[in-house]
């Protein structure tokens, strides 16, 4: 699954990969699943970590498994204190279970609002209220072009909010797009975070730096350097022929975040604060 690439960027101690998935066909896919990616093992991921310098990881529940978090929790247990998790649970979850998950290292709930969504958007406020006492974040992914429609709801939540992949604009937009302007306004609240990851999913320009997506990333870093996160998005689900080299996922920061002190925040300090490392 991984390649043998080595990054130019030397990852600082404590570097955290804030969004990865593990896939294992021995676990059943959810009725809501739209795609079932090929197996991607924890062993392969950890091999990549050793090669490019990742010391901490946030595992995110894959939409393929819906609300069945067993595989994610198994991987977290194997990884130990270097791992945190983002799960999918609904209103039937008990406070005792939320407490148990928190003690295992879970730090958020995923609201994936694209095809194959395990949770309806109508549960957003209910679940935010449930997980807020446990210090969890709401990990939110939608087509970024719709962020203006969600802005008021996300701002009103009693939790932090983490927005995936530069806002995940399924069609790259200009900085004056209403969705991107909404994301910048949300950053002004101080409780919204963003991930720098996976530009290949949406870019029309392509490598090396996916500049149509990269220019948005650079503006996010300028607006809120203290709430930026980095992620490899391993194993690059849905990338197909656009699958990047492992090392490139880190090296893109040489262009997007040229200042070393800011990179250290994004790679180490910010995730340590948000996820409690």
Protein backbone atom coordinates (compact mmCIF):
# COMPACT_ATOMS: atom_id res chain seq x y z
CA UNK A 1 0.00 0.00 0.00
CA UNK A 2 2.79 2.43 0.91
CA UNK A 3 5.72 3.33 -1.34
CA UNK A 4 9.38 3.87 -0.48
CA UNK A 5 9.49 7.66 -0.77
CA UNK A 6 11.36 9.74 1.81
CA UNK A 7 10.36 13.38 2.40
CA UNK A 8 12.64 16.39 2.02
CA UNK A 9 10.93 17.90 5.06
CA UNK A 10 12.30 16.47 8.27
CA UNK A 11 9.28 15.93 10.51
CA UNK A 12 9.80 17.43 13.97
CA UNK A 13 9.46 15.26 17.07
CA UNK A 14 5.79 14.79 17.94
CA UNK A 15 4.51 15.18 14.37
CA UNK A 16 0.83 14.20 14.24
CA UNK A 17 -1.06 12.85 11.24
CA UNK A 18 -4.60 14.09 11.91
CA UNK A 19 -6.66 12.07 9.43
CA UNK A 20 -6.13 8.47 8.30
CA UNK A 21 -8.29 5.42 7.69
CA UNK A 22 -7.69 1.70 8.08
CA UNK A 23 -9.62 -0.76 5.88
CA UNK A 24 -10.05 -4.47 6.54
CA UNK A 25 -12.44 -6.60 4.49
CA UNK A 26 -12.98 -8.96 7.42
CA UNK A 27 -15.16 -6.22 8.92
CA UNK A 28 -18.61 -5.74 7.38
CA UNK A 29 -19.37 -2.56 5.49
CA UNK A 30 -22.36 -0.48 6.49
CA UNK A 31 -25.68 -0.43 4.60
CA UNK A 32 -25.00 3.27 3.97
CA UNK A 33 -21.58 2.62 2.39
CA UNK A 34 -21.15 3.85 -1.16
CA UNK A 35 -17.66 2.48 -1.76
CA UNK A 36 -15.51 -0.16 -0.13
CA UNK A 37 -11.82 0.69 -0.57
CA UNK A 38 -9.25 -2.12 -0.75
CA UNK A 39 -7.63 -3.33 2.45
CA UNK A 40 -5.13 -0.94 4.01
CA UNK A 41 -3.51 -2.40 7.09
CA UNK A 42 -2.28 -0.79 10.27
CA UNK A 43 1.08 -2.49 9.71
CA UNK A 44 1.46 -0.76 6.34
CA UNK A 45 0.49 2.57 7.82
CA UNK A 46 2.97 2.24 10.69
CA UNK A 47 5.69 1.39 8.18
CA UNK A 48 4.93 4.66 6.41
CA UNK A 49 5.03 6.51 9.74
CA UNK A 50 8.50 5.23 10.46
CA UNK A 51 9.71 6.26 7.02
CA UNK A 52 8.41 9.83 6.98
CA UNK A 53 8.56 10.62 10.70
CA UNK A 54 4.99 10.48 12.05
CA UNK A 55 4.86 9.86 15.82
CA UNK A 56 1.17 10.49 16.56
CA UNK A 57 -1.98 9.66 14.64
CA UNK A 58 -5.69 10.50 14.64
CA UNK A 59 -7.69 7.62 13.19
CA UNK A 60 -10.96 8.72 11.60
CA UNK A 61 -13.91 6.38 11.24
CA UNK A 62 -14.28 5.48 7.57
CA UNK A 63 -17.74 6.01 6.07
CA UNK A 64 -17.53 2.45 4.74
CA UNK A 65 -18.06 1.12 8.30
CA UNK A 66 -20.86 3.47 9.29
CA UNK A 67 -21.39 3.39 13.06
CA UNK A 68 -19.38 0.19 13.61
CA UNK A 69 -16.23 1.54 15.25
CA UNK A 70 -14.70 -1.84 16.13
CA UNK A 71 -11.85 -1.74 13.61
CA UNK A 72 -10.85 1.79 14.57
CA UNK A 73 -10.87 0.96 18.28
CA UNK A 74 -8.85 -2.20 17.68
CA UNK A 75 -6.20 -0.21 15.82
CA UNK A 76 -6.14 2.45 18.53
CA UNK A 77 -5.58 -0.24 21.14
CA UNK A 78 -2.68 -1.67 19.13
CA UNK A 79 -1.13 1.78 18.70
CA UNK A 80 -1.44 2.77 22.35
CA UNK A 81 -0.99 6.34 23.60
CA UNK A 82 0.26 7.63 20.25
CA UNK A 83 -3.27 7.28 18.83
CA UNK A 84 -6.49 9.29 19.07
CA UNK A 85 -9.80 8.51 17.41
CA UNK A 86 -12.76 10.17 15.72
CA UNK A 87 -15.80 7.85 15.82
CA UNK A 88 -19.38 7.78 14.57
CA UNK A 89 -22.05 7.35 17.24
CA UNK A 90 -25.71 8.35 17.27
CA UNK A 91 -28.23 9.46 19.88
CA UNK A 92 -28.56 5.93 21.30
CA UNK A 93 -25.03 6.06 22.75
CA UNK A 94 -24.95 6.20 26.56
CA UNK A 95 -22.91 8.61 28.63
CA UNK A 96 -21.12 5.60 30.08
CA UNK A 97 -20.06 4.56 26.59
CA UNK A 98 -18.92 8.10 25.75
CA UNK A 99 -16.84 8.05 28.92
CA UNK A 100 -15.36 4.66 28.00
CA UNK A 101 -14.49 5.87 24.51
CA UNK A 102 -12.89 9.02 25.90
CA UNK A 103 -10.68 6.95 28.18
CA UNK A 104 -9.63 4.89 25.15
CA UNK A 105 -8.47 8.05 23.37
CA UNK A 106 -11.50 9.05 21.32
CA UNK A 107 -11.69 12.81 20.91
CA UNK A 108 -14.42 13.47 18.38
CA UNK A 109 -17.45 12.48 16.35
CA UNK A 110 -17.47 12.53 12.58
CA UNK A 111 -20.20 14.20 10.57
CA UNK A 112 -19.45 13.15 6.99
CA UNK A 113 -22.00 14.95 4.83
CA UNK A 114 -21.21 13.43 1.43
CA UNK A 115 -22.45 10.27 -0.30
CA UNK A 116 -22.57 7.40 2.18
CA UNK A 117 -23.17 9.59 5.24
CA UNK A 118 -23.75 7.40 8.34
CA UNK A 119 -25.37 10.23 10.34
CA UNK A 120 -27.99 12.74 9.22
CA UNK A 121 -27.24 16.43 9.60
CA UNK A 122 -30.36 16.68 11.76
CA UNK A 123 -28.42 15.03 14.61
CA UNK A 124 -25.66 17.66 14.63
CA UNK A 125 -26.87 19.76 17.55
CA UNK A 126 -28.04 16.74 19.56
CA UNK A 127 -24.72 14.95 19.28
CA UNK A 128 -22.64 18.07 19.85
CA UNK A 129 -24.48 18.61 23.12
CA UNK A 130 -23.90 14.98 24.10
CA UNK A 131 -20.14 14.97 23.44
CA UNK A 132 -19.30 18.50 24.59
CA UNK A 133 -18.94 17.48 28.27
CA UNK A 134 -16.29 14.96 27.20
CA UNK A 135 -14.21 17.56 25.35
CA UNK A 136 -14.81 16.08 21.91
CA UNK A 137 -14.63 17.96 18.62
CA UNK A 138 -17.12 17.76 15.77
CA UNK A 139 -15.18 16.57 12.71
CA UNK A 140 -17.18 18.02 9.81
CA UNK A 141 -16.88 17.28 6.12
CA UNK A 142 -19.17 18.55 3.40
CA UNK A 143 -18.80 20.05 -0.05
CA UNK A 144 -17.14 23.31 0.94
CA UNK A 145 -19.31 25.19 -1.52
CA UNK A 146 -22.13 24.60 0.98
CA UNK A 147 -20.27 25.88 4.07
CA UNK A 148 -22.15 29.19 4.06
CA UNK A 149 -25.37 27.20 4.50
CA UNK A 150 -23.92 25.48 7.60
CA UNK A 151 -22.06 28.45 9.07
CA UNK A 152 -24.61 29.55 11.65
CA UNK A 153 -25.19 25.98 12.90
CA UNK A 154 -21.51 25.21 13.23
CA UNK A 155 -20.77 28.49 15.02
CA UNK A 156 -23.55 27.82 17.52
CA UNK A 157 -22.29 24.38 18.60
CA UNK A 158 -20.96 23.99 22.17
CA UNK A 159 -17.89 22.12 20.88
CA UNK A 160 -14.84 22.82 18.78
CA UNK A 161 -15.33 22.06 15.08
CA UNK A 162 -12.73 20.58 12.74
CA UNK A 163 -13.26 21.16 9.00
CA UNK A 164 -11.59 18.66 6.70
CA UNK A 165 -9.27 19.18 3.74
CA UNK A 166 -9.09 22.97 3.20
CA UNK A 167 -12.89 22.95 3.38
CA UNK A 168 -13.22 20.11 0.84
CA UNK A 169 -14.44 22.26 -2.05
CA UNK A 170 -15.44 19.58 -4.55
CA UNK A 171 -14.86 22.14 -7.28
CA UNK A 172 -11.93 24.44 -6.47
CA UNK A 173 -13.15 27.98 -5.81
CA UNK A 174 -11.71 31.46 -5.68
CA UNK A 175 -11.06 33.05 -2.27
CA UNK A 176 -14.12 35.29 -2.67
CA UNK A 177 -16.49 32.31 -2.90
CA UNK A 178 -19.25 32.47 -0.23
CA UNK A 179 -18.25 29.06 1.13
CA UNK A 180 -14.61 30.00 1.62
CA UNK A 181 -15.52 33.37 3.12
CA UNK A 182 -17.80 31.50 5.53
CA UNK A 183 -14.91 29.25 6.53
CA UNK A 184 -12.71 32.28 7.23
CA UNK A 185 -15.47 33.80 9.37
CA UNK A 186 -15.78 30.55 11.31
CA UNK A 187 -12.05 30.64 12.01
CA UNK A 188 -12.54 34.04 13.62
CA UNK A 189 -14.58 32.38 16.40
CA UNK A 190 -11.45 30.70 17.77
CA UNK A 191 -13.17 27.32 18.06
CA UNK A 192 -12.97 26.14 14.45
CA UNK A 193 -9.94 24.22 13.17
CA UNK A 194 -8.98 23.14 9.64
CA UNK A 195 -6.97 20.30 8.13
CA UNK A 196 -4.37 20.68 5.39
CA UNK A 197 -4.73 17.46 3.43
CA UNK A 198 -5.68 15.64 0.24
CA UNK A 199 -5.69 18.42 -2.39
CA UNK A 200 -5.56 15.75 -5.11
CA UNK A 201 -9.19 14.88 -4.32
CA UNK A 202 -10.52 18.14 -5.72
CA UNK A 203 -7.77 19.99 -7.63
CA UNK A 204 -8.10 20.69 -11.34
CA UNK A 205 -4.49 21.87 -11.71
CA UNK A 206 -2.74 18.86 -10.22
CA UNK A 207 0.80 18.41 -8.89
CA UNK A 208 3.24 19.42 -7.69
CA UNK A 209 1.38 21.80 -5.34
CA UNK A 210 -2.23 21.73 -6.59
CA UNK A 211 -2.19 25.53 -6.65
CA UNK A 212 -5.95 25.98 -7.06
CA UNK A 213 -6.38 24.24 -3.69
CA UNK A 214 -3.02 25.38 -2.33
CA UNK A 215 -3.90 29.07 -2.54
CA UNK A 216 -6.87 28.42 -0.26
CA UNK A 217 -4.66 26.45 2.13
CA UNK A 218 -2.19 29.34 2.33
CA UNK A 219 -4.98 31.78 3.18
CA UNK A 220 -6.22 29.49 5.95
CA UNK A 221 -2.72 29.29 7.42
CA UNK A 222 -2.42 33.08 7.30
CA UNK A 223 -5.82 33.53 8.96
CA UNK A 224 -5.40 30.99 11.77
CA UNK A 225 -1.92 29.47 12.14
CA UNK A 226 -2.79 28.31 15.66
CA UNK A 227 -5.68 26.13 14.48
CA UNK A 228 -4.21 24.43 11.45
CA UNK A 229 -3.68 20.66 11.38
CA UNK A 230 -1.91 18.42 8.88
CA UNK A 231 -3.00 15.03 7.61
CA UNK A 232 -1.72 12.49 5.13
CA UNK A 233 -5.22 11.12 4.49
CA UNK A 234 -3.58 7.69 4.12
CA UNK A 235 -4.38 5.41 2.26
CA UNK A 236 -5.71 8.12 -0.08
CA UNK A 237 -9.16 6.60 -0.67
CA UNK A 238 -10.70 7.46 -4.04
CA UNK A 239 -7.41 8.96 -5.32
CA UNK A 240 -7.01 6.33 -8.04
CA UNK A 241 -4.34 7.35 -10.58
CA UNK A 242 -3.85 10.61 -8.64
CA UNK A 243 -2.52 8.74 -5.58
CA UNK A 244 0.39 10.76 -4.18
CA UNK A 245 3.71 9.52 -2.89
CA UNK A 246 3.65 9.17 0.88
CA UNK A 247 6.52 11.65 1.30
CA UNK A 248 4.78 14.26 -0.82
CA UNK A 249 1.89 14.50 1.64
CA UNK A 250 4.39 15.99 4.09
CA UNK A 251 6.52 17.85 1.57
CA UNK A 252 3.52 19.85 0.32
CA UNK A 253 3.92 21.89 3.51
CA UNK A 254 7.23 23.25 2.19
CA UNK A 255 5.13 25.23 -0.28
CA UNK A 256 1.94 25.74 1.71
CA UNK A 257 3.60 26.61 5.05
CA UNK A 258 7.12 27.87 4.30
CA UNK A 259 7.69 29.28 7.80
CA UNK A 260 9.28 26.62 10.01
CA UNK A 261 7.75 27.88 13.27
CA UNK A 262 4.27 27.82 11.77
CA UNK A 263 4.87 24.32 10.40
CA UNK A 264 5.85 23.19 13.89
CA UNK A 265 2.53 24.50 15.21
CA UNK A 266 0.59 22.68 12.51
CA UNK A 267 2.51 19.42 12.79
CA UNK A 268 2.99 19.23 16.56
CA UNK A 269 1.58 21.94 18.83
CA UNK A 270 -1.91 22.40 17.42
CA UNK A 271 -2.89 18.71 17.28
CA UNK A 272 -1.41 18.18 20.75
CA UNK A 273 -3.74 20.89 22.03
CA UNK A 274 -6.88 19.81 20.19
CA UNK A 275 -6.56 16.06 20.69
CA UNK A 276 -4.88 16.00 24.09
CA UNK A 277 -1.53 14.38 23.38
